[in-house]
Amino acid sequence: MTRRSLGRIVQFVGLLILPFGMATELVGKTGEGGLLLIMAGGGLVFYVGYLLQHRT
């Protein structure tokens, strides 16, 4: 597996975390702070995938 494909997979996982965070807030399991924490985590995972993909 190349670094580019690994980065793409990590980016995809990061994108999947974002709707999960919104759904947990809509159901009422987390508050606004929990939503922001999950969204920040998803953004961080996406960014790590971006760095993996673009490093040469």
C-alpha atoms as a PDB file:
ATOM      1  CA  MET A   1       0.000   0.000   0.000  1.00  0.00           C
ATOM      2  CA  THR A   2       1.448   3.315  -1.002  1.00  0.00           C
ATOM      3  CA  ARG A   3       1.536   6.389   1.178  1.00  0.00           C
ATOM      4  CA  ARG A   4      -0.898   8.135  -1.155  1.00  0.00           C
ATOM      5  CA  SER A   5      -3.570   5.442  -0.846  1.00  0.00           C
ATOM      6  CA  LEU A   6      -3.082   5.246   2.925  1.00  0.00           C
ATOM      7  CA  GLY A   7      -3.554   9.015   3.107  1.00  0.00           C
ATOM      8  CA  ARG A   8      -6.745   8.764   1.078  1.00  0.00           C
ATOM      9  CA  ILE A   9      -8.140   6.091   3.405  1.00  0.00           C
ATOM     10  CA  VAL A  10      -7.313   8.188   6.476  1.00  0.00           C
ATOM     11  CA  GLN A  11      -8.967  11.219   4.847  1.00  0.00           C
ATOM     12  CA  PHE A  12     -12.082   9.157   4.168  1.00  0.00           C
ATOM     13  CA  VAL A  13     -12.210   8.020   7.803  1.00  0.00           C
ATOM     14  CA  GLY A  14     -11.915  11.661   8.851  1.00  0.00           C
ATOM     15  CA  LEU A  15     -14.865  12.545   6.641  1.00  0.00           C
ATOM     16  CA  LEU A  16     -16.930   9.708   8.144  1.00  0.00           C
ATOM     17  CA  ILE A  17     -16.347  10.994  11.674  1.00  0.00           C
ATOM     18  CA  LEU A  18     -18.034  14.353  10.944  1.00  0.00           C
ATOM     19  CA  PRO A  19     -21.593  13.068  10.273  1.00  0.00           C
ATOM     20  CA  PHE A  20     -21.229  10.706  13.234  1.00  0.00           C
ATOM     21  CA  GLY A  21     -20.636  13.703  15.472  1.00  0.00           C
ATOM     22  CA  MET A  22     -23.664  15.524  14.098  1.00  0.00           C
ATOM     23  CA  ALA A  23     -25.869  12.449  14.522  1.00  0.00           C
ATOM     24  CA  THR A  24     -24.858  11.944  18.153  1.00  0.00           C
ATOM     25  CA  GLU A  25     -25.723  15.563  18.899  1.00  0.00           C
ATOM     26  CA  LEU A  26     -29.095  15.273  17.169  1.00  0.00           C
ATOM     27  CA  VAL A  27     -29.957  12.147  19.149  1.00  0.00           C
ATOM     28  CA  GLY A  28     -29.017  13.985  22.307  1.00  0.00           C
ATOM     29  CA  LYS A  29     -26.151  11.804  23.504  1.00  0.00           C
ATOM     30  CA  THR A  30     -23.664  14.676  23.507  1.00  0.00           C
ATOM     31  CA  GLY A  31     -23.949  18.402  23.974  1.00  0.00           C
ATOM     32  CA  GLU A  32     -22.494  21.151  21.858  1.00  0.00           C
ATOM     33  CA  GLY A  33     -19.075  20.731  23.448  1.00  0.00           C
ATOM     34  CA  GLY A  34     -19.020  17.038  22.564  1.00  0.00           C
ATOM     35  CA  LEU A  35     -20.069  17.841  19.020  1.00  0.00           C
ATOM     36  CA  LEU A  36     -17.235  20.322  18.627  1.00  0.00           C
ATOM     37  CA  LEU A  37     -14.768  17.824  20.075  1.00  0.00           C
ATOM     38  CA  ILE A  38     -15.837  15.083  17.651  1.00  0.00           C
ATOM     39  CA  MET A  39     -15.773  17.519  14.717  1.00  0.00           C
ATOM     40  CA  ALA A  40     -12.293  18.729  15.672  1.00  0.00           C
ATOM     41  CA  GLY A  41     -11.129  15.118  15.909  1.00  0.00           C
ATOM     42  CA  GLY A  42     -12.514  14.382  12.448  1.00  0.00           C
ATOM     43  CA  GLY A  43     -10.795  17.460  11.061  1.00  0.00           C
ATOM     44  CA  LEU A  44      -7.526  16.408  12.662  1.00  0.00           C
ATOM     45  CA  VAL A  45      -7.761  12.890  11.217  1.00  0.00           C
ATOM     46  CA  PHE A  46      -8.513  14.366   7.794  1.00  0.00           C
ATOM     47  CA  TYR A  47      -5.516  16.677   8.055  1.00  0.00           C
ATOM     48  CA  VAL A  48      -3.214  13.800   9.008  1.00  0.00           C
ATOM     49  CA  GLY A  49      -4.454  11.950   5.918  1.00  0.00           C
ATOM     50  CA  TYR A  50      -3.750  15.034   3.834  1.00  0.00           C
ATOM     51  CA  LEU A  51      -0.201  15.207   5.169  1.00  0.00           C
ATOM     52  CA  LEU A  52       0.345  11.507   4.477  1.00  0.00           C
ATOM     53  CA  GLN A  53      -0.919  11.880   0.945  1.00  0.00           C
ATOM     54  CA  HIS A  54       1.146  14.922  -0.003  1.00  0.00           C
ATOM     55  CA  ARG A  55       4.481  14.024   1.567  1.00  0.00           C
ATOM     56  CA  THR A  56       7.048  12.886  -0.951  1.00  0.00           C
END
